[in-house]
């Protein structure tokens, strides 16, 4: 598939340290990952890099690895506390 970008958008993408096509690919992959449409493993594969490298890229883009609600965090904390209590016995 070929994606045509107008001159302004292409110039904006190229203003970074990578060609417009590479920057567009990165934006698309990061957005698919952010929306949870693809896994970190698939995103890394699409970017041609290792999973850890991709996760660091996503982190720099402000995309968290863990995306829990406050309620989910509370449940996780309770589970850890329960395990800790049982382990101390």
PDB file of N, CA and C in Angstrom:
ATOM      1  N   UNK A   1       0.843  -1.166   0.000  1.00  0.00           N
ATOM      2  CA  UNK A   1       0.000   0.000   0.000  1.00  0.00           C
ATOM      3  C   UNK A   1       0.896   1.238   0.000  1.00  0.00           C
ATOM      4  N   UNK A   2       0.476   2.220  -0.698  1.00  0.00           N
ATOM      5  CA  UNK A   2       1.208   3.480  -0.758  1.00  0.00           C
ATOM      6  C   UNK A   2       0.369   4.556  -0.103  1.00  0.00           C
ATOM      7  N   UNK A   3       1.005   5.331   0.734  1.00  0.00           N
ATOM      8  CA  UNK A   3       0.337   6.425   1.427  1.00  0.00           C
ATOM      9  C   UNK A   3       0.900   7.726   0.899  1.00  0.00           C
ATOM     10  N   UNK A   4       0.018   8.570   0.385  1.00  0.00           N
ATOM     11  CA  UNK A   4       0.471   9.866  -0.119  1.00  0.00           C
ATOM     12  C   UNK A   4       0.249  10.915   0.956  1.00  0.00           C
ATOM     13  N   UNK A   5       1.286  11.688   1.211  1.00  0.00           N
ATOM     14  CA  UNK A   5       1.225  12.763   2.184  1.00  0.00           C
ATOM     15  C   UNK A   5       1.385  14.089   1.458  1.00  0.00           C
ATOM     16  N   UNK A   6       0.611  15.076   1.888  1.00  0.00           N
ATOM     17  CA  UNK A   6       0.805  16.368   1.245  1.00  0.00           C
ATOM     18  C   UNK A   6       2.161  16.933   1.662  1.00  0.00           C
ATOM     19  N   UNK A   7       2.586  17.948   0.949  1.00  0.00           N
ATOM     20  CA  UNK A   7       3.926  18.492   1.148  1.00  0.00           C
ATOM     21  C   UNK A   7       4.160  18.994   2.567  1.00  0.00           C
ATOM     22  N   UNK A   8       3.171  19.669   3.152  1.00  0.00           N
ATOM     23  CA  UNK A   8       3.332  20.202   4.510  1.00  0.00           C
ATOM     24  C   UNK A   8       3.532  19.085   5.535  1.00  0.00           C
ATOM     25  N   UNK A   9       2.684  18.063   5.455  1.00  0.00           N
ATOM     26  CA  UNK A   9       2.803  16.951   6.400  1.00  0.00           C
ATOM     27  C   UNK A   9       4.116  16.210   6.202  1.00  0.00           C
ATOM     28  N   UNK A  10       4.484  16.000   4.978  1.00  0.00           N
ATOM     29  CA  UNK A  10       5.741  15.323   4.690  1.00  0.00           C
ATOM     30  C   UNK A  10       6.918  16.120   5.248  1.00  0.00           C
ATOM     31  N   UNK A  11       6.902  17.417   5.077  1.00  0.00           N
ATOM     32  CA  UNK A  11       7.978  18.273   5.580  1.00  0.00           C
ATOM     33  C   UNK A  11       8.025  18.231   7.114  1.00  0.00           C
ATOM     34  N   UNK A  12       6.851  18.229   7.767  1.00  0.00           N
ATOM     35  CA  UNK A  12       6.806  18.140   9.223  1.00  0.00           C
ATOM     36  C   UNK A  12       7.379  16.819   9.715  1.00  0.00           C
ATOM     37  N   UNK A  13       7.028  15.745   9.045  1.00  0.00           N
ATOM     38  CA  UNK A  13       7.550  14.438   9.435  1.00  0.00           C
ATOM     39  C   UNK A  13       9.054  14.370   9.235  1.00  0.00           C
ATOM     40  N   UNK A  14       9.553  14.959   8.169  1.00  0.00           N
ATOM     41  CA  UNK A  14      10.978  14.918   7.875  1.00  0.00           C
ATOM     42  C   UNK A  14      11.786  15.885   8.736  1.00  0.00           C
ATOM     43  N   UNK A  15      11.120  16.736   9.491  1.00  0.00           N
ATOM     44  CA  UNK A  15      11.859  17.695  10.297  1.00  0.00           C
ATOM     45  C   UNK A  15      12.603  17.011  11.440  1.00  0.00           C
ATOM     46  N   UNK A  16      12.249  15.778  11.718  1.00  0.00           N
ATOM     47  CA  UNK A  16      12.951  15.010  12.745  1.00  0.00           C
ATOM     48  C   UNK A  16      14.210  14.405  12.174  1.00  0.00           C
ATOM     49  N   UNK A  17      14.674  13.363  12.807  1.00  0.00           N
ATOM     50  CA  UNK A  17      15.925  12.736  12.383  1.00  0.00           C
ATOM     51  C   UNK A  17      15.702  11.496  11.523  1.00  0.00           C
ATOM     52  N   UNK A  18      14.502  11.374  10.941  1.00  0.00           N
ATOM     53  CA  UNK A  18      14.225  10.207  10.121  1.00  0.00           C
ATOM     54  C   UNK A  18      13.390  10.616   8.907  1.00  0.00           C
ATOM     55  N   UNK A  19      13.469   9.824   7.837  1.00  0.00           N
ATOM     56  CA  UNK A  19      12.661  10.114   6.650  1.00  0.00           C
ATOM     57  C   UNK A  19      11.163  10.079   6.979  1.00  0.00           C
ATOM     58  N   UNK A  20      10.370  10.783   6.200  1.00  0.00           N
ATOM     59  CA  UNK A  20       8.928  10.881   6.440  1.00  0.00           C
ATOM     60  C   UNK A  20       8.273   9.506   6.490  1.00  0.00           C
ATOM     61  N   UNK A  21       8.653   8.605   5.610  1.00  0.00           N
ATOM     62  CA  UNK A  21       8.038   7.275   5.583  1.00  0.00           C
ATOM     63  C   UNK A  21       8.296   6.528   6.890  1.00  0.00           C
ATOM     64  N   UNK A  22       9.503   6.639   7.423  1.00  0.00           N
ATOM     65  CA  UNK A  22       9.835   5.972   8.688  1.00  0.00           C
ATOM     66  C   UNK A  22       9.086   6.605   9.856  1.00  0.00           C
ATOM     67  N   UNK A  23       8.995   7.932   9.845  1.00  0.00           N
ATOM     68  CA  UNK A  23       8.276   8.630  10.916  1.00  0.00           C
ATOM     69  C   UNK A  23       6.790   8.278  10.878  1.00  0.00           C
ATOM     70  N   UNK A  24       6.211   8.212   9.686  1.00  0.00           N
ATOM     71  CA  UNK A  24       4.796   7.850   9.552  1.00  0.00           C
ATOM     72  C   UNK A  24       4.559   6.429  10.055  1.00  0.00           C
ATOM     73  N   UNK A  25       5.446   5.519   9.707  1.00  0.00           N
ATOM     74  CA  UNK A  25       5.331   4.129  10.169  1.00  0.00           C
ATOM     75  C   UNK A  25       5.378   4.074  11.697  1.00  0.00           C
ATOM     76  N   UNK A  26       6.314   4.810  12.302  1.00  0.00           N
ATOM     77  CA  UNK A  26       6.428   4.837  13.752  1.00  0.00           C
ATOM     78  C   UNK A  26       5.153   5.375  14.391  1.00  0.00           C
ATOM     79  N   UNK A  27       4.620   6.470  13.861  1.00  0.00           N
ATOM     80  CA  UNK A  27       3.379   7.033  14.401  1.00  0.00           C
ATOM     81  C   UNK A  27       2.225   6.040  14.323  1.00  0.00           C
ATOM     82  N   UNK A  28       2.113   5.359  13.198  1.00  0.00           N
ATOM     83  CA  UNK A  28       1.018   4.400  13.002  1.00  0.00           C
ATOM     84  C   UNK A  28       1.156   3.232  13.978  1.00  0.00           C
ATOM     85  N   UNK A  29       2.348   2.669  14.072  1.00  0.00           N
ATOM     86  CA  UNK A  29       2.561   1.522  14.962  1.00  0.00           C
ATOM     87  C   UNK A  29       2.330   1.925  16.420  1.00  0.00           C
ATOM     88  N   UNK A  30       2.869   3.079  16.828  1.00  0.00           N
ATOM     89  CA  UNK A  30       2.663   3.536  18.202  1.00  0.00           C
ATOM     90  C   UNK A  30       1.179   3.760  18.497  1.00  0.00           C
ATOM     91  N   UNK A  31       0.463   4.318  17.553  1.00  0.00           N
ATOM     92  CA  UNK A  31      -0.965   4.570  17.781  1.00  0.00           C
ATOM     93  C   UNK A  31      -1.758   3.262  17.846  1.00  0.00           C
ATOM     94  N   UNK A  32      -1.429   2.309  17.010  1.00  0.00           N
ATOM     95  CA  UNK A  32      -2.093   1.006  17.084  1.00  0.00           C
ATOM     96  C   UNK A  32      -1.826   0.347  18.435  1.00  0.00           C
ATOM     97  N   UNK A  33      -0.598   0.465  18.915  1.00  0.00           N
ATOM     98  CA  UNK A  33      -0.249  -0.089  20.223  1.00  0.00           C
ATOM     99  C   UNK A  33      -0.980   0.663  21.342  1.00  0.00           C
ATOM    100  N   UNK A  34      -0.991   1.983  21.259  1.00  0.00           N
ATOM    101  CA  UNK A  34      -1.663   2.788  22.283  1.00  0.00           C
ATOM    102  C   UNK A  34      -3.146   2.420  22.378  1.00  0.00           C
ATOM    103  N   UNK A  35      -3.759   2.163  21.246  1.00  0.00           N
ATOM    104  CA  UNK A  35      -5.183   1.783  21.210  1.00  0.00           C
ATOM    105  C   UNK A  35      -5.412   0.320  21.532  1.00  0.00           C
ATOM    106  N   UNK A  36      -4.324  -0.415  21.809  1.00  0.00           N
ATOM    107  CA  UNK A  36      -4.379  -1.850  22.145  1.00  0.00           C
ATOM    108  C   UNK A  36      -4.915  -2.690  20.984  1.00  0.00           C
ATOM    109  N   UNK A  37      -4.635  -2.232  19.774  1.00  0.00           N
ATOM    110  CA  UNK A  37      -5.032  -2.990  18.588  1.00  0.00           C
ATOM    111  C   UNK A  37      -3.982  -4.045  18.252  1.00  0.00           C
ATOM    112  N   UNK A  38      -2.735  -3.799  18.700  1.00  0.00           N
ATOM    113  CA  UNK A  38      -1.658  -4.763  18.511  1.00  0.00           C
ATOM    114  C   UNK A  38      -0.882  -4.889  19.819  1.00  0.00           C
ATOM    115  N   UNK A  39      -0.232  -6.026  19.989  1.00  0.00           N
ATOM    116  CA  UNK A  39       0.574  -6.266  21.187  1.00  0.00           C
ATOM    117  C   UNK A  39       1.934  -5.575  21.054  1.00  0.00           C
ATOM    118  N   UNK A  40       2.642  -5.502  22.167  1.00  0.00           N
ATOM    119  CA  UNK A  40       3.985  -4.919  22.123  1.00  0.00           C
ATOM    120  C   UNK A  40       4.911  -5.780  21.259  1.00  0.00           C
ATOM    121  N   UNK A  41       4.701  -7.089  21.289  1.00  0.00           N
ATOM    122  CA  UNK A  41       5.513  -7.974  20.457  1.00  0.00           C
ATOM    123  C   UNK A  41       5.284  -7.729  18.971  1.00  0.00           C
ATOM    124  N   UNK A  42       4.016  -7.587  18.590  1.00  0.00           N
ATOM    125  CA  UNK A  42       3.694  -7.318  17.185  1.00  0.00           C
ATOM    126  C   UNK A  42       4.207  -5.940  16.787  1.00  0.00           C
ATOM    127  N   UNK A  43       4.068  -4.955  17.679  1.00  0.00           N
ATOM    128  CA  UNK A  43       4.560  -3.607  17.384  1.00  0.00           C
ATOM    129  C   UNK A  43       6.074  -3.633  17.174  1.00  0.00           C
ATOM    130  N   UNK A  44       6.779  -4.361  18.036  1.00  0.00           N
ATOM    131  CA  UNK A  44       8.233  -4.472  17.902  1.00  0.00           C
ATOM    132  C   UNK A  44       8.591  -5.108  16.563  1.00  0.00           C
ATOM    133  N   UNK A  45       7.848  -6.146  16.210  1.00  0.00           N
ATOM    134  CA  UNK A  45       8.077  -6.817  14.928  1.00  0.00           C
ATOM    135  C   UNK A  45       7.871  -5.843  13.767  1.00  0.00           C
ATOM    136  N   UNK A  46       6.794  -5.076  13.812  1.00  0.00           N
ATOM    137  CA  UNK A  46       6.507  -4.114  12.739  1.00  0.00           C
ATOM    138  C   UNK A  46       7.568  -3.023  12.646  1.00  0.00           C
ATOM    139  N   UNK A  47       8.170  -2.688  13.790  1.00  0.00           N
ATOM    140  CA  UNK A  47       9.216  -1.667  13.801  1.00  0.00           C
ATOM    141  C   UNK A  47      10.599  -2.260  13.507  1.00  0.00           C
ATOM    142  N   UNK A  48      10.677  -3.587  13.456  1.00  0.00           N
ATOM    143  CA  UNK A  48      11.951  -4.238  13.165  1.00  0.00           C
ATOM    144  C   UNK A  48      12.939  -4.142  14.306  1.00  0.00           C
ATOM    145  N   UNK A  49      12.417  -4.225  15.535  1.00  0.00           N
ATOM    146  CA  UNK A  49      13.281  -4.129  16.704  1.00  0.00           C
ATOM    147  C   UNK A  49      12.823  -5.108  17.770  1.00  0.00           C
ATOM    148  N   UNK A  50      13.604  -5.235  18.822  1.00  0.00           N
ATOM    149  CA  UNK A  50      13.250  -6.107  19.922  1.00  0.00           C
ATOM    150  C   UNK A  50      12.133  -5.501  20.763  1.00  0.00           C
ATOM    151  N   UNK A  51      11.482  -6.363  21.538  1.00  0.00           N
ATOM    152  CA  UNK A  51      10.361  -5.917  22.355  1.00  0.00           C
ATOM    153  C   UNK A  51      10.781  -4.856  23.371  1.00  0.00           C
ATOM    154  N   UNK A  52      11.914  -5.069  24.040  1.00  0.00           N
ATOM    155  CA  UNK A  52      12.378  -4.092  25.036  1.00  0.00           C
ATOM    156  C   UNK A  52      12.656  -2.742  24.377  1.00  0.00           C
ATOM    157  N   UNK A  53      13.264  -2.773  23.219  1.00  0.00           N
ATOM    158  CA  UNK A  53      13.555  -1.528  22.495  1.00  0.00           C
ATOM    159  C   UNK A  53      12.253  -0.805  22.135  1.00  0.00           C
ATOM    160  N   UNK A  54      11.253  -1.583  21.689  1.00  0.00           N
ATOM    161  CA  UNK A  54       9.975  -0.953  21.360  1.00  0.00           C
ATOM    162  C   UNK A  54       9.319  -0.367  22.601  1.00  0.00           C
ATOM    163  N   UNK A  55       9.340  -1.105  23.715  1.00  0.00           N
ATOM    164  CA  UNK A  55       8.722  -0.601  24.943  1.00  0.00           C
ATOM    165  C   UNK A  55       9.383   0.699  25.396  1.00  0.00           C
ATOM    166  N   UNK A  56      10.686   0.809  25.217  1.00  0.00           N
ATOM    167  CA  UNK A  56      11.382   2.056  25.547  1.00  0.00           C
ATOM    168  C   UNK A  56      10.938   3.182  24.613  1.00  0.00           C
ATOM    169  N   UNK A  57      10.745   2.867  23.328  1.00  0.00           N
ATOM    170  CA  UNK A  57      10.254   3.847  22.358  1.00  0.00           C
ATOM    171  C   UNK A  57       8.856   4.315  22.763  1.00  0.00           C
ATOM    172  N   UNK A  58       7.992   3.372  23.118  1.00  0.00           N
ATOM    173  CA  UNK A  58       6.632   3.709  23.532  1.00  0.00           C
ATOM    174  C   UNK A  58       6.649   4.573  24.786  1.00  0.00           C
ATOM    175  N   UNK A  59       7.526   4.240  25.726  1.00  0.00           N
ATOM    176  CA  UNK A  59       7.647   5.025  26.947  1.00  0.00           C
ATOM    177  C   UNK A  59       8.055   6.461  26.626  1.00  0.00           C
ATOM    178  N   UNK A  60       9.017   6.635  25.720  1.00  0.00           N
ATOM    179  CA  UNK A  60       9.436   7.989  25.326  1.00  0.00           C
ATOM    180  C   UNK A  60       8.289   8.747  24.680  1.00  0.00           C
ATOM    181  N   UNK A  61       7.367   8.013  24.045  1.00  0.00           N
ATOM    182  CA  UNK A  61       6.208   8.642  23.407  1.00  0.00           C
ATOM    183  C   UNK A  61       5.070   8.864  24.404  1.00  0.00           C
ATOM    184  N   UNK A  62       5.289   8.484  25.669  1.00  0.00           N
ATOM    185  CA  UNK A  62       4.278   8.694  26.701  1.00  0.00           C
ATOM    186  C   UNK A  62       3.201   7.628  26.752  1.00  0.00           C
ATOM    187  N   UNK A  63       3.488   6.462  26.195  1.00  0.00           N
ATOM    188  CA  UNK A  63       2.526   5.359  26.195  1.00  0.00           C
ATOM    189  C   UNK A  63       2.933   4.378  27.281  1.00  0.00           C
ATOM    190  N   UNK A  64       2.108   4.229  28.313  1.00  0.00           N
ATOM    191  CA  UNK A  64       2.486   3.348  29.421  1.00  0.00           C
ATOM    192  C   UNK A  64       2.392   1.873  29.042  1.00  0.00           C
ATOM    193  N   UNK A  65       3.244   1.068  29.661  1.00  0.00           N
ATOM    194  CA  UNK A  65       3.181  -0.381  29.466  1.00  0.00           C
ATOM    195  C   UNK A  65       1.988  -0.949  30.209  1.00  0.00           C
ATOM    196  N   UNK A  66       1.802  -0.480  31.443  1.00  0.00           N
ATOM    197  CA  UNK A  66       0.648  -0.888  32.235  1.00  0.00           C
ATOM    198  C   UNK A  66      -0.386   0.225  32.159  1.00  0.00           C
ATOM    199  N   UNK A  67      -1.597  -0.128  31.851  1.00  0.00           N
ATOM    200  CA  UNK A  67      -2.654   0.866  31.706  1.00  0.00           C
ATOM    201  C   UNK A  67      -3.829   0.450  32.583  1.00  0.00           C
ATOM    202  N   UNK A  68      -3.648   0.559  33.902  1.00  0.00           N
ATOM    203  CA  UNK A  68      -4.668   0.143  34.852  1.00  0.00           C
ATOM    204  C   UNK A  68      -5.519   1.327  35.296  1.00  0.00           C
ATOM    205  N   UNK A  69      -6.773   1.048  35.594  1.00  0.00           N
ATOM    206  CA  UNK A  69      -7.616   2.043  36.241  1.00  0.00           C
ATOM    207  C   UNK A  69      -7.254   2.065  37.722  1.00  0.00           C
ATOM    208  N   UNK A  70      -7.736   3.061  38.444  1.00  0.00           N
ATOM    209  CA  UNK A  70      -7.472   3.140  39.888  1.00  0.00           C
ATOM    210  C   UNK A  70      -8.004   1.892  40.585  1.00  0.00           C
ATOM    211  N   UNK A  71      -9.152   1.415  40.157  1.00  0.00           N
ATOM    212  CA  UNK A  71      -9.740   0.212  40.751  1.00  0.00           C
ATOM    213  C   UNK A  71      -8.870  -1.016  40.490  1.00  0.00           C
ATOM    214  N   UNK A  72      -8.364  -1.134  39.280  1.00  0.00           N
ATOM    215  CA  UNK A  72      -7.496  -2.272  38.955  1.00  0.00           C
ATOM    216  C   UNK A  72      -6.205  -2.220  39.764  1.00  0.00           C
ATOM    217  N   UNK A  73      -5.637  -1.013  39.950  1.00  0.00           N
ATOM    218  CA  UNK A  73      -4.433  -0.880  40.778  1.00  0.00           C
ATOM    219  C   UNK A  73      -4.725  -1.294  42.211  1.00  0.00           C
ATOM    220  N   UNK A  74      -5.880  -0.894  42.724  1.00  0.00           N
ATOM    221  CA  UNK A  74      -6.255  -1.254  44.095  1.00  0.00           C
ATOM    222  C   UNK A  74      -6.364  -2.779  44.231  1.00  0.00           C
ATOM    223  N   UNK A  75      -6.934  -3.421  43.239  1.00  0.00           N
ATOM    224  CA  UNK A  75      -7.054  -4.878  43.259  1.00  0.00           C
ATOM    225  C   UNK A  75      -5.676  -5.539  43.217  1.00  0.00           C
ATOM    226  N   UNK A  76      -4.785  -5.022  42.390  1.00  0.00           N
ATOM    227  CA  UNK A  76      -3.429  -5.567  42.313  1.00  0.00           C
ATOM    228  C   UNK A  76      -2.702  -5.395  43.642  1.00  0.00           C
ATOM    229  N   UNK A  77      -2.838  -4.228  44.243  1.00  0.00           N
ATOM    230  CA  UNK A  77      -2.189  -3.967  45.527  1.00  0.00           C
ATOM    231  C   UNK A  77      -2.722  -4.915  46.598  1.00  0.00           C
ATOM    232  N   UNK A  78      -4.008  -5.127  46.629  1.00  0.00           N
ATOM    233  CA  UNK A  78      -4.607  -6.048  47.599  1.00  0.00           C
ATOM    234  C   UNK A  78      -4.081  -7.460  47.384  1.00  0.00           C
ATOM    235  N   UNK A  79      -3.953  -7.882  46.132  1.00  0.00           N
ATOM    236  CA  UNK A  79      -3.430  -9.223  45.840  1.00  0.00           C
ATOM    237  C   UNK A  79      -1.992  -9.359  46.326  1.00  0.00           C
ATOM    238  N   UNK A  80      -1.173  -8.339  46.117  1.00  0.00           N
ATOM    239  CA  UNK A  80       0.218  -8.374  46.578  1.00  0.00           C
ATOM    240  C   UNK A  80       0.267  -8.411  48.099  1.00  0.00           C
ATOM    241  N   UNK A  81      -0.553  -7.611  48.737  1.00  0.00           N
ATOM    242  CA  UNK A  81      -0.585  -7.600  50.200  1.00  0.00           C
ATOM    243  C   UNK A  81      -1.020  -8.955  50.746  1.00  0.00           C
ATOM    244  N   UNK A  82      -1.977  -9.590  50.099  1.00  0.00           N
ATOM    245  CA  UNK A  82      -2.449 -10.917  50.511  1.00  0.00           C
ATOM    246  C   UNK A  82      -1.325 -11.939  50.387  1.00  0.00           C
ATOM    247  N   UNK A  83      -0.617 -11.909  49.290  1.00  0.00           N
ATOM    248  CA  UNK A  83       0.496 -12.836  49.090  1.00  0.00           C
ATOM    249  C   UNK A  83       1.573 -12.599  50.145  1.00  0.00           C
ATOM    250  N   UNK A  84       1.854 -11.343  50.425  1.00  0.00           N
ATOM    251  CA  UNK A  84       2.861 -10.998  51.434  1.00  0.00           C
ATOM    252  C   UNK A  84       2.458 -11.512  52.804  1.00  0.00           C
ATOM    253  N   UNK A  85       1.184 -11.339  53.155  1.00  0.00           N
ATOM    254  CA  UNK A  85       0.699 -11.826  54.454  1.00  0.00           C
ATOM    255  C   UNK A  85       0.822 -13.341  54.549  1.00  0.00           C
ATOM    256  N   UNK A  86       0.446 -14.038  53.488  1.00  0.00           N
ATOM    257  CA  UNK A  86       0.521 -15.498  53.482  1.00  0.00           C
ATOM    258  C   UNK A  86       1.969 -15.983  53.546  1.00  0.00           C
ATOM    259  N   UNK A  87       2.847 -15.261  52.899  1.00  0.00           N
ATOM    260  CA  UNK A  87       4.266 -15.649  52.866  1.00  0.00           C
ATOM    261  C   UNK A  87       4.910 -15.481  54.253  1.00  0.00           C
ATOM    262  N   UNK A  88       4.462 -14.522  55.012  1.00  0.00           N
ATOM    263  CA  UNK A  88       5.021 -14.262  56.340  1.00  0.00           C
ATOM    264  C   UNK A  88       4.619 -15.316  57.349  1.00  0.00           C
ATOM    265  N   UNK A  89       3.565 -16.051  57.097  1.00  0.00           N
ATOM    266  CA  UNK A  89       3.066 -17.052  58.046  1.00  0.00           C
ATOM    267  C   UNK A  89       3.930 -18.248  58.119  1.00  0.00           C
TER     268      UNK A  89
END
